[in-house]
Every structure is written in C-alpha cells, then in structure tokens.
Amino acid sequence: MLERFRHRSYELENIDKGTYTPEEYEGSLVELRRVNKFLGDKSVLRRTLLREIERLGLESFSALDIGAGSGYLLRLIAKWARQTGRQAKLLGVEINERSAHAIMEESADFPEINSVQADGLVLPFRDDCFDYAISSLTLHHFDDDGVVKILREMTRVAAREIFVIDLHRHPIAYLFYTTVGHIILHNRLLREDGALSILRSFKPDELKRLAKQAGLGNITVKRRFPYRLVLRAERKTLDAGIAHDWIGQQRAA
C-alpha cells in the first residue's frame, strides 16, 4: 500500500474531468462549506498571511486567491481586516463560472470582495497588481508543469509574497479520509475526489522542488495540522510597487 504514496498520482478527479451533474456540483459546494468549517484552513491562514500583515503593520493590503472556491478564505480575511481596523481589497479567481458567481453571492455583505472567472495558468492581471497571492487546495489539481506555471503567475502578480496551502500526501490522511470521511460525507464528488486529491498532492520536498523550478526565492515549506503543507515564497527580486485600482474598477463595472 505504501508504494502508491511514493509518487504523485496524475489520475484526473471528477471535478477536473467534468464527470458530474449540476446537482452534484451544487451539493458539493454546500457540503464543502461544512467541511471547511471543521477542517478548513482558518488557523493556517492566521498563522501565515494574517500574521505577516500584522507583523508589517499594514493598514491596508490587497490579496488574490487562486481557485477561491466559494470565497471562504476571502471572507475570513475580510472579517479579520474589519476586526483589526484594516482596509482590504480582495479578489477571488475561479475557472468555474458557477464558483465565480458563488463568491459574489456568498460575499454580498463584503463589498471589499470581488471575483473573476479566469485561468490561474494565465492570470489577466499586470505585474505587482496585488500585495499577496494565496491559493488553498488548488495546486494538486495540476500536473508538475501546471504547478510551476501557477506559482510563476502568482509571484508575478504579487508584489510581496505568496502563500500556498495544499494537502500533504500521507498514508494516515488517506486512511482517515477513506474511512471516517466516507461516513460523514454524502456528496459523491467529495467522497471520490477527496481521496484522489490526497494521492495527487505533495510531499514537502516535492513542493519545494517545484517552487525552485518556478524561480521563486526565500522558499519555505512547513507542515501544518491536519496534513497540510504551507509554501511561502516571493520573487527573487522584490518590487514593492502595488496598485489597488483594478479591483475597484471591476466592482464599478
């Protein structure tokens, strides 16, 4: 059994093949919200991105979320910014049209959040358009070449740093998901794709190697509970030029 964890799987998930019904996709969004509240990356985000913003004493900041889903992390950032008296400009990118709409629907109380339907491999933004770029549980959907391209795009548009949260390919995580997870999960997409996501995910040295291939600098990869890896990096030549105008123009449009 352990042999299958030695290397990444490249078998496509249902969500990537499009082998699901509209009803299954809607159901996955609902159930995924519950999963995120239990096993979401709120604590990871607080110990990485939000802690860094606090350390720098930034009174305003912008962040781009690649593969934002329904915007769960964006809303966490927005709430934190409000609670700490900061101004935030936040944008979620989703290649799926329904998810891009879901971000706006579920973030109706957060005018600082916007969304756009776009491909993370070729982001439609100019260099240094945001302070930070983040991504959570998205990279494992791509092969190694795709991962490198996304990391390059993230660092191109982020003037400060990028933070990537993804799964740690570990036998115990897989065993837990295929036993306990199948008891509490009812949606077929989450039951089937979740287990495959673990097999498609990374070990720390793999993620660091891909970040180096992407030409990133100051790379760190840390393990976080529960079976998460957090990549933190920046461009080798840091440019502090930052602009927020694009997001406001999108809201006005």
C-alpha atoms as a PDB file:
ATOM      1  CA  MET A   1       0.000   0.000   0.000  1.00  0.00           C
ATOM      2  CA  LEU A   2       2.785   2.439   0.899  1.00  0.00           C
ATOM      3  CA  GLU A   3       4.165   2.217  -2.641  1.00  0.00           C
ATOM      4  CA  ARG A   4       1.265   4.250  -4.014  1.00  0.00           C
ATOM      5  CA  PHE A   5       2.317   7.220  -1.849  1.00  0.00           C
ATOM      6  CA  ARG A   6       5.869   7.285  -3.185  1.00  0.00           C
ATOM      7  CA  HIS A   7       4.946   9.429  -6.193  1.00  0.00           C
ATOM      8  CA  ARG A   8       2.101  11.785  -7.108  1.00  0.00           C
ATOM      9  CA  SER A   9      -0.929  10.344  -8.893  1.00  0.00           C
ATOM     10  CA  TYR A  10      -1.943  12.132 -12.078  1.00  0.00           C
ATOM     11  CA  GLU A  11      -5.344  10.495 -12.407  1.00  0.00           C
ATOM     12  CA  LEU A  12      -7.905  13.214 -13.038  1.00  0.00           C
ATOM     13  CA  GLU A  13     -10.622  13.917 -10.494  1.00  0.00           C
ATOM     14  CA  ASN A  14     -14.299  14.170 -11.411  1.00  0.00           C
ATOM     15  CA  ILE A  15     -14.191  17.925 -10.910  1.00  0.00           C
ATOM     16  CA  ASP A  16     -11.377  18.166 -13.483  1.00  0.00           C
ATOM     17  CA  LYS A  17     -12.955  15.769 -15.998  1.00  0.00           C
ATOM     18  CA  GLY A  18     -16.385  17.341 -15.720  1.00  0.00           C
ATOM     19  CA  THR A  19     -17.976  13.984 -14.844  1.00  0.00           C
ATOM     20  CA  TYR A  20     -20.646  15.342 -12.547  1.00  0.00           C
ATOM     21  CA  THR A  21     -24.160  16.708 -12.737  1.00  0.00           C
ATOM     22  CA  PRO A  22     -25.132  20.311 -11.903  1.00  0.00           C
ATOM     23  CA  GLU A  23     -26.945  18.954  -8.845  1.00  0.00           C
ATOM     24  CA  GLU A  24     -23.828  17.142  -7.641  1.00  0.00           C
ATOM     25  CA  TYR A  25     -21.746  20.287  -8.072  1.00  0.00           C
ATOM     26  CA  GLU A  26     -24.228  22.426  -6.134  1.00  0.00           C
ATOM     27  CA  GLY A  27     -24.334  19.782  -3.428  1.00  0.00           C
ATOM     28  CA  SER A  28     -20.550  19.718  -3.228  1.00  0.00           C
ATOM     29  CA  LEU A  29     -20.481  23.479  -2.579  1.00  0.00           C
ATOM     30  CA  VAL A  30     -22.920  23.099   0.300  1.00  0.00           C
ATOM     31  CA  GLU A  31     -21.112  20.162   1.885  1.00  0.00           C
ATOM     32  CA  LEU A  32     -17.703  21.709   1.282  1.00  0.00           C
ATOM     33  CA  ARG A  33     -18.712  24.718   3.378  1.00  0.00           C
ATOM     34  CA  ARG A  34     -19.364  22.394   6.311  1.00  0.00           C
ATOM     35  CA  VAL A  35     -16.057  20.584   5.773  1.00  0.00           C
ATOM     36  CA  ASN A  36     -14.169  23.888   5.649  1.00  0.00           C
ATOM     37  CA  LYS A  37     -15.574  24.939   8.997  1.00  0.00           C
ATOM     38  CA  PHE A  38     -14.297  21.706  10.543  1.00  0.00           C
ATOM     39  CA  LEU A  39     -11.074  21.072   8.625  1.00  0.00           C
ATOM     40  CA  GLY A  40     -10.668  24.410   6.893  1.00  0.00           C
ATOM     41  CA  ASP A  41      -7.532  26.463   6.734  1.00  0.00           C
ATOM     42  CA  LYS A  42      -8.592  29.282   9.032  1.00  0.00           C
ATOM     43  CA  SER A  43      -5.884  28.620  11.605  1.00  0.00           C
ATOM     44  CA  VAL A  44      -3.244  28.126   8.912  1.00  0.00           C
ATOM     45  CA  LEU A  45      -4.187  31.437   7.333  1.00  0.00           C
ATOM     46  CA  ARG A  46      -3.992  33.231  10.673  1.00  0.00           C
ATOM     47  CA  ARG A  47      -0.514  31.843  11.371  1.00  0.00           C
ATOM     48  CA  THR A  48       0.836  32.780   7.943  1.00  0.00           C
ATOM     49  CA  LEU A  49      -0.651  35.562   5.830  1.00  0.00           C
ATOM     50  CA  LEU A  50      -2.521  37.416   8.561  1.00  0.00           C
ATOM     51  CA  ARG A  51       0.372  37.197  10.990  1.00  0.00           C
ATOM     52  CA  GLU A  52       2.696  38.637   8.330  1.00  0.00           C
ATOM     53  CA  ILE A  53       0.341  41.551   7.620  1.00  0.00           C
ATOM     54  CA  GLU A  54       0.182  42.214  11.349  1.00  0.00           C
ATOM     55  CA  ARG A  55       3.964  41.988  11.721  1.00  0.00           C
ATOM     56  CA  LEU A  56       4.465  44.571   8.980  1.00  0.00           C
ATOM     57  CA  GLY A  57       1.824  46.841  10.490  1.00  0.00           C
ATOM     58  CA  LEU A  58      -0.010  47.240   7.181  1.00  0.00           C
ATOM     59  CA  GLU A  59      -3.119  49.390   7.477  1.00  0.00           C
ATOM     60  CA  SER A  60      -4.304  48.374   4.007  1.00  0.00           C
ATOM     61  CA  PHE A  61      -3.486  45.450   1.738  1.00  0.00           C
ATOM     62  CA  SER A  62      -4.714  43.530  -1.291  1.00  0.00           C
ATOM     63  CA  ALA A  63      -4.820  39.790  -1.875  1.00  0.00           C
ATOM     64  CA  LEU A  64      -5.642  37.499  -4.771  1.00  0.00           C
ATOM     65  CA  ASP A  65      -6.994  33.985  -4.122  1.00  0.00           C
ATOM     66  CA  ILE A  66      -6.376  31.495  -6.964  1.00  0.00           C
ATOM     67  CA  GLY A  67      -9.008  28.759  -7.054  1.00  0.00           C
ATOM     68  CA  ALA A  68     -11.038  30.533  -4.395  1.00  0.00           C
ATOM     69  CA  GLY A  69     -13.985  28.119  -4.472  1.00  0.00           C
ATOM     70  CA  SER A  70     -16.947  29.916  -2.927  1.00  0.00           C
ATOM     71  CA  GLY A  71     -14.705  32.543  -1.301  1.00  0.00           C
ATOM     72  CA  TYR A  72     -14.469  31.047   2.198  1.00  0.00           C
ATOM     73  CA  LEU A  73     -10.907  32.246   2.858  1.00  0.00           C
ATOM     74  CA  LEU A  74     -11.589  35.642   1.333  1.00  0.00           C
ATOM     75  CA  ARG A  75     -14.414  36.192   3.810  1.00  0.00           C
ATOM     76  CA  LEU A  76     -12.167  35.128   6.685  1.00  0.00           C
ATOM     77  CA  ILE A  77      -9.580  37.685   5.593  1.00  0.00           C
ATOM     78  CA  ALA A  78     -12.239  40.375   5.196  1.00  0.00           C
ATOM     79  CA  LYS A  79     -13.651  39.720   8.676  1.00  0.00           C
ATOM     80  CA  TRP A  80     -10.176  39.835  10.216  1.00  0.00           C
ATOM     81  CA  ALA A  81      -9.347  43.068   8.419  1.00  0.00           C
ATOM     82  CA  ARG A  82     -12.531  44.688   9.740  1.00  0.00           C
ATOM     83  CA  GLN A  83     -11.874  43.451  13.261  1.00  0.00           C
ATOM     84  CA  THR A  84      -8.339  44.864  13.226  1.00  0.00           C
ATOM     85  CA  GLY A  85      -9.253  48.168  11.578  1.00  0.00           C
ATOM     86  CA  ARG A  86      -7.587  47.464   8.240  1.00  0.00           C
ATOM     87  CA  GLN A  87      -8.721  48.104   4.691  1.00  0.00           C
ATOM     88  CA  ALA A  88      -8.638  45.102   2.370  1.00  0.00           C
ATOM     89  CA  LYS A  89      -9.072  44.688  -1.373  1.00  0.00           C
ATOM     90  CA  LEU A  90      -9.737  41.027  -2.118  1.00  0.00           C
ATOM     91  CA  LEU A  91     -10.267  39.160  -5.355  1.00  0.00           C
ATOM     92  CA  GLY A  92     -11.119  35.524  -5.974  1.00  0.00           C
ATOM     93  CA  VAL A  93     -10.197  33.776  -9.225  1.00  0.00           C
ATOM     94  CA  GLU A  94     -12.161  30.733 -10.369  1.00  0.00           C
ATOM     95  CA  ILE A  95     -12.098  28.993 -13.728  1.00  0.00           C
ATOM     96  CA  ASN A  96     -15.555  27.568 -12.993  1.00  0.00           C
ATOM     97  CA  GLU A  97     -18.268  30.101 -13.820  1.00  0.00           C
ATOM     98  CA  ARG A  98     -20.625  28.823 -11.118  1.00  0.00           C
ATOM     99  CA  SER A  99     -17.955  29.183  -8.445  1.00  0.00           C
ATOM    100  CA  ALA A 100     -17.069  32.688  -9.610  1.00  0.00           C
ATOM    101  CA  HIS A 101     -20.727  33.645  -9.171  1.00  0.00           C
ATOM    102  CA  ALA A 102     -20.901  31.838  -5.811  1.00  0.00           C
ATOM    103  CA  ILE A 103     -18.087  34.008  -4.445  1.00  0.00           C
ATOM    104  CA  MET A 104     -20.131  37.134  -5.095  1.00  0.00           C
ATOM    105  CA  GLU A 105     -23.399  35.590  -3.905  1.00  0.00           C
ATOM    106  CA  GLU A 106     -21.955  34.465  -0.593  1.00  0.00           C
ATOM    107  CA  SER A 107     -19.904  37.639  -0.128  1.00  0.00           C
ATOM    108  CA  ALA A 108     -22.790  40.065  -0.596  1.00  0.00           C
ATOM    109  CA  ASP A 109     -22.029  41.638   2.801  1.00  0.00           C
ATOM    110  CA  PHE A 110     -18.396  42.216   1.840  1.00  0.00           C
ATOM    111  CA  PRO A 111     -18.001  44.919  -0.829  1.00  0.00           C
ATOM    112  CA  GLU A 112     -14.239  44.543  -0.452  1.00  0.00           C
ATOM    113  CA  ILE A 113     -14.515  41.108  -2.125  1.00  0.00           C
ATOM    114  CA  ASN A 114     -14.774  40.648  -5.877  1.00  0.00           C
ATOM    115  CA  SER A 115     -14.444  37.677  -8.201  1.00  0.00           C
ATOM    116  CA  VAL A 116     -13.423  37.000 -11.768  1.00  0.00           C
ATOM    117  CA  GLN A 117     -13.632  33.907 -13.953  1.00  0.00           C
ATOM    118  CA  ALA A 118     -10.121  33.274 -15.219  1.00  0.00           C
ATOM    119  CA  ASP A 119      -7.410  30.655 -15.690  1.00  0.00           C
ATOM    120  CA  GLY A 120      -4.784  30.535 -12.964  1.00  0.00           C
ATOM    121  CA  LEU A 121      -2.206  29.460 -15.552  1.00  0.00           C
ATOM    122  CA  VAL A 122      -2.527  32.814 -17.335  1.00  0.00           C
ATOM    123  CA  LEU A 123      -3.760  35.440 -14.894  1.00  0.00           C
ATOM    124  CA  PRO A 124      -5.312  38.521 -16.551  1.00  0.00           C
ATOM    125  CA  PHE A 125      -3.507  40.994 -14.280  1.00  0.00           C
ATOM    126  CA  ARG A 126      -0.426  43.126 -14.647  1.00  0.00           C
ATOM    127  CA  ASP A 127       2.719  42.597 -12.622  1.00  0.00           C
ATOM    128  CA  ASP A 128       2.599  43.569  -8.929  1.00  0.00           C
ATOM    129  CA  CYS A 129      -1.160  44.119  -9.044  1.00  0.00           C
ATOM    130  CA  PHE A 130      -1.647  42.751  -5.501  1.00  0.00           C
ATOM    131  CA  ASP A 131       0.289  42.682  -2.272  1.00  0.00           C
ATOM    132  CA  TYR A 132      -0.223  38.959  -1.804  1.00  0.00           C
ATOM    133  CA  ALA A 133      -1.408  35.953  -3.764  1.00  0.00           C
ATOM    134  CA  ILE A 134      -2.769  32.889  -1.994  1.00  0.00           C
ATOM    135  CA  SER A 135      -4.058  29.505  -3.036  1.00  0.00           C
ATOM    136  CA  SER A 136      -5.652  26.770  -0.972  1.00  0.00           C
ATOM    137  CA  LEU A 137      -6.150  23.157  -2.065  1.00  0.00           C
ATOM    138  CA  THR A 138      -5.778  24.076  -5.733  1.00  0.00           C
ATOM    139  CA  LEU A 139      -2.265  23.100  -6.843  1.00  0.00           C
ATOM    140  CA  HIS A 140      -2.844  19.349  -6.567  1.00  0.00           C
ATOM    141  CA  HIS A 141      -5.351  19.581  -9.422  1.00  0.00           C
ATOM    142  CA  PHE A 142      -2.438  20.264 -11.799  1.00  0.00           C
ATOM    143  CA  ASP A 143       0.497  18.237 -13.062  1.00  0.00           C
ATOM    144  CA  ASP A 144       4.006  19.400 -12.196  1.00  0.00           C
ATOM    145  CA  ASP A 145       4.287  21.698 -15.214  1.00  0.00           C
ATOM    146  CA  GLY A 146       0.962  23.313 -14.316  1.00  0.00           C
ATOM    147  CA  VAL A 147       2.069  23.808 -10.714  1.00  0.00           C
ATOM    148  CA  VAL A 148       5.224  25.596 -11.872  1.00  0.00           C
ATOM    149  CA  LYS A 149       3.216  27.860 -14.206  1.00  0.00           C
ATOM    150  CA  ILE A 150       0.734  28.811 -11.483  1.00  0.00           C
ATOM    151  CA  LEU A 151       3.495  29.567  -8.983  1.00  0.00           C
ATOM    152  CA  ARG A 152       5.202  31.790 -11.547  1.00  0.00           C
ATOM    153  CA  GLU A 153       1.956  33.627 -12.215  1.00  0.00           C
ATOM    154  CA  MET A 154       1.290  34.066  -8.503  1.00  0.00           C
ATOM    155  CA  THR A 155       4.688  35.614  -7.874  1.00  0.00           C
ATOM    156  CA  ARG A 156       4.366  37.763 -10.988  1.00  0.00           C
ATOM    157  CA  VAL A 157       1.214  39.481  -9.735  1.00  0.00           C
ATOM    158  CA  ALA A 158       2.168  39.551  -6.024  1.00  0.00           C
ATOM    159  CA  ALA A 159       4.428  42.437  -5.036  1.00  0.00           C
ATOM    160  CA  ARG A 160       5.167  40.966  -1.603  1.00  0.00           C
ATOM    161  CA  GLU A 161       4.727  37.219  -1.057  1.00  0.00           C
ATOM    162  CA  ILE A 162       2.659  34.184  -1.942  1.00  0.00           C
ATOM    163  CA  PHE A 163       1.157  31.637   0.446  1.00  0.00           C
ATOM    164  CA  VAL A 164       0.045  28.233  -0.826  1.00  0.00           C
ATOM    165  CA  ILE A 165      -1.855  25.729   1.300  1.00  0.00           C
ATOM    166  CA  ASP A 166      -2.254  22.203  -0.011  1.00  0.00           C
ATOM    167  CA  LEU A 167      -2.530  18.598   1.058  1.00  0.00           C
ATOM    168  CA  HIS A 168       0.282  16.507   2.466  1.00  0.00           C
ATOM    169  CA  ARG A 169       0.361  13.118   0.697  1.00  0.00           C
ATOM    170  CA  HIS A 170       0.418  10.819   3.697  1.00  0.00           C
ATOM    171  CA  PRO A 171      -0.975   7.284   4.260  1.00  0.00           C
ATOM    172  CA  ILE A 172      -2.722   8.242   7.513  1.00  0.00           C
ATOM    173  CA  ALA A 173      -4.504  11.163   5.860  1.00  0.00           C
ATOM    174  CA  TYR A 174      -5.694   8.831   3.097  1.00  0.00           C
ATOM    175  CA  LEU A 175      -6.806   6.152   5.577  1.00  0.00           C
ATOM    176  CA  PHE A 176      -8.732   8.692   7.645  1.00  0.00           C
ATOM    177  CA  TYR A 177     -10.470  10.132   4.597  1.00  0.00           C
ATOM    178  CA  THR A 178     -11.472   6.758   3.147  1.00  0.00           C
ATOM    179  CA  THR A 179     -12.908   5.541   6.455  1.00  0.00           C
ATOM    180  CA  VAL A 180     -14.230   8.339   8.664  1.00  0.00           C
ATOM    181  CA  GLY A 181     -14.643  10.688   5.720  1.00  0.00           C
ATOM    182  CA  HIS A 182     -16.903   8.277   3.880  1.00  0.00           C
ATOM    183  CA  ILE A 183     -19.128   8.041   6.937  1.00  0.00           C
ATOM    184  CA  ILE A 184     -19.722  11.776   7.283  1.00  0.00           C
ATOM    185  CA  LEU A 185     -19.613  12.789   3.606  1.00  0.00           C
ATOM    186  CA  HIS A 186     -22.613  12.224   1.351  1.00  0.00           C
ATOM    187  CA  ASN A 187     -21.735  14.023  -1.870  1.00  0.00           C
ATOM    188  CA  ARG A 188     -20.161  11.741  -4.488  1.00  0.00           C
ATOM    189  CA  LEU A 189     -17.711  14.379  -5.681  1.00  0.00           C
ATOM    190  CA  LEU A 190     -16.293  14.910  -2.208  1.00  0.00           C
ATOM    191  CA  ARG A 191     -16.194  11.185  -1.418  1.00  0.00           C
ATOM    192  CA  GLU A 192     -14.389  10.192  -4.613  1.00  0.00           C
ATOM    193  CA  ASP A 193     -12.343  13.289  -5.385  1.00  0.00           C
ATOM    194  CA  GLY A 194     -11.178  13.845  -1.833  1.00  0.00           C
ATOM    195  CA  ALA A 195      -9.325  10.541  -1.631  1.00  0.00           C
ATOM    196  CA  LEU A 196      -7.788  11.068  -5.067  1.00  0.00           C
ATOM    197  CA  SER A 197      -6.781  14.615  -4.073  1.00  0.00           C
ATOM    198  CA  ILE A 198      -4.562  13.169  -1.352  1.00  0.00           C
ATOM    199  CA  LEU A 199      -2.888  10.840  -3.869  1.00  0.00           C
ATOM    200  CA  ARG A 200      -2.371  13.783  -6.247  1.00  0.00           C
ATOM    201  CA  SER A 201      -0.907  16.025  -3.538  1.00  0.00           C
ATOM    202  CA  PHE A 202       2.650  16.621  -2.383  1.00  0.00           C
ATOM    203  CA  LYS A 203       5.415  15.752  -0.002  1.00  0.00           C
ATOM    204  CA  PRO A 204       7.373  18.722   1.403  1.00  0.00           C
ATOM    205  CA  ASP A 205      10.485  18.185  -0.721  1.00  0.00           C
ATOM    206  CA  GLU A 206       8.371  17.866  -3.885  1.00  0.00           C
ATOM    207  CA  LEU A 207       6.596  21.157  -3.300  1.00  0.00           C
ATOM    208  CA  LYS A 208       9.876  22.917  -2.537  1.00  0.00           C
ATOM    209  CA  ARG A 209      11.432  21.492  -5.704  1.00  0.00           C
ATOM    210  CA  LEU A 210       8.554  22.778  -7.839  1.00  0.00           C
ATOM    211  CA  ALA A 211       8.846  26.214  -6.234  1.00  0.00           C
ATOM    212  CA  LYS A 212      12.547  26.277  -7.131  1.00  0.00           C
ATOM    213  CA  GLN A 213      11.717  25.297 -10.711  1.00  0.00           C
ATOM    214  CA  ALA A 214       9.316  28.239 -10.812  1.00  0.00           C
ATOM    215  CA  GLY A 215      12.196  30.554  -9.917  1.00  0.00           C
ATOM    216  CA  LEU A 216      10.862  31.571  -6.508  1.00  0.00           C
ATOM    217  CA  GLY A 217      13.012  32.963  -3.719  1.00  0.00           C
ATOM    218  CA  ASN A 218      13.001  32.709   0.103  1.00  0.00           C
ATOM    219  CA  ILE A 219      11.124  29.416  -0.114  1.00  0.00           C
ATOM    220  CA  THR A 220       9.824  27.675   2.987  1.00  0.00           C
ATOM    221  CA  VAL A 221       7.554  24.630   3.165  1.00  0.00           C
ATOM    222  CA  LYS A 222       6.084  23.748   6.550  1.00  0.00           C
ATOM    223  CA  ARG A 223       3.741  21.019   7.717  1.00  0.00           C
ATOM    224  CA  ARG A 224       0.567  22.105   9.430  1.00  0.00           C
ATOM    225  CA  PHE A 225      -2.302  20.261  11.082  1.00  0.00           C
ATOM    226  CA  PRO A 226      -4.283  18.450   9.709  1.00  0.00           C
ATOM    227  CA  TYR A 227      -1.982  17.070   6.993  1.00  0.00           C
ATOM    228  CA  ARG A 228      -1.442  20.396   5.305  1.00  0.00           C
ATOM    229  CA  LEU A 229       1.643  21.828   3.632  1.00  0.00           C
ATOM    230  CA  VAL A 230       2.208  25.579   3.531  1.00  0.00           C
ATOM    231  CA  LEU A 231       4.510  27.050   0.908  1.00  0.00           C
ATOM    232  CA  ARG A 232       5.681  30.602   1.453  1.00  0.00           C
ATOM    233  CA  ALA A 233       7.811  32.367  -1.147  1.00  0.00           C
ATOM    234  CA  GLU A 234       8.439  35.523  -3.137  1.00  0.00           C
ATOM    235  CA  ARG A 235      10.099  36.648  -6.348  1.00  0.00           C
ATOM    236  CA  LYS A 236      13.862  36.704  -6.147  1.00  0.00           C
ATOM    237  CA  THR A 237      13.767  40.427  -6.928  1.00  0.00           C
ATOM    238  CA  LEU A 238      11.139  42.023  -4.727  1.00  0.00           C
ATOM    239  CA  ASP A 239       9.263  45.010  -6.125  1.00  0.00           C
ATOM    240  CA  ALA A 240       7.110  46.878  -3.640  1.00  0.00           C
ATOM    241  CA  GLY A 241       5.044  48.700  -6.283  1.00  0.00           C
ATOM    242  CA  ILE A 242       1.387  47.928  -5.542  1.00  0.00           C
ATOM    243  CA  ALA A 243      -1.873  49.076  -7.095  1.00  0.00           C
ATOM    244  CA  HIS A 244      -5.456  48.513  -6.000  1.00  0.00           C
ATOM    245  CA  ASP A 245      -7.341  50.352  -8.754  1.00  0.00           C
ATOM    246  CA  TRP A 246      -8.133  47.291 -10.845  1.00  0.00           C
ATOM    247  CA  ILE A 247     -10.428  45.717  -8.230  1.00  0.00           C
ATOM    248  CA  GLY A 248     -12.410  48.887  -7.688  1.00  0.00           C
ATOM    249  CA  GLN A 249     -12.889  49.222 -11.420  1.00  0.00           C
ATOM    250  CA  GLN A 250     -14.186  45.663 -11.586  1.00  0.00           C
ATOM    251  CA  ARG A 251     -16.757  46.352  -8.857  1.00  0.00           C
ATOM    252  CA  ALA A 252     -17.899  49.508 -10.649  1.00  0.00           C
ATOM    253  CA  ALA A 253     -18.226  47.589 -13.925  1.00  0.00           C
END
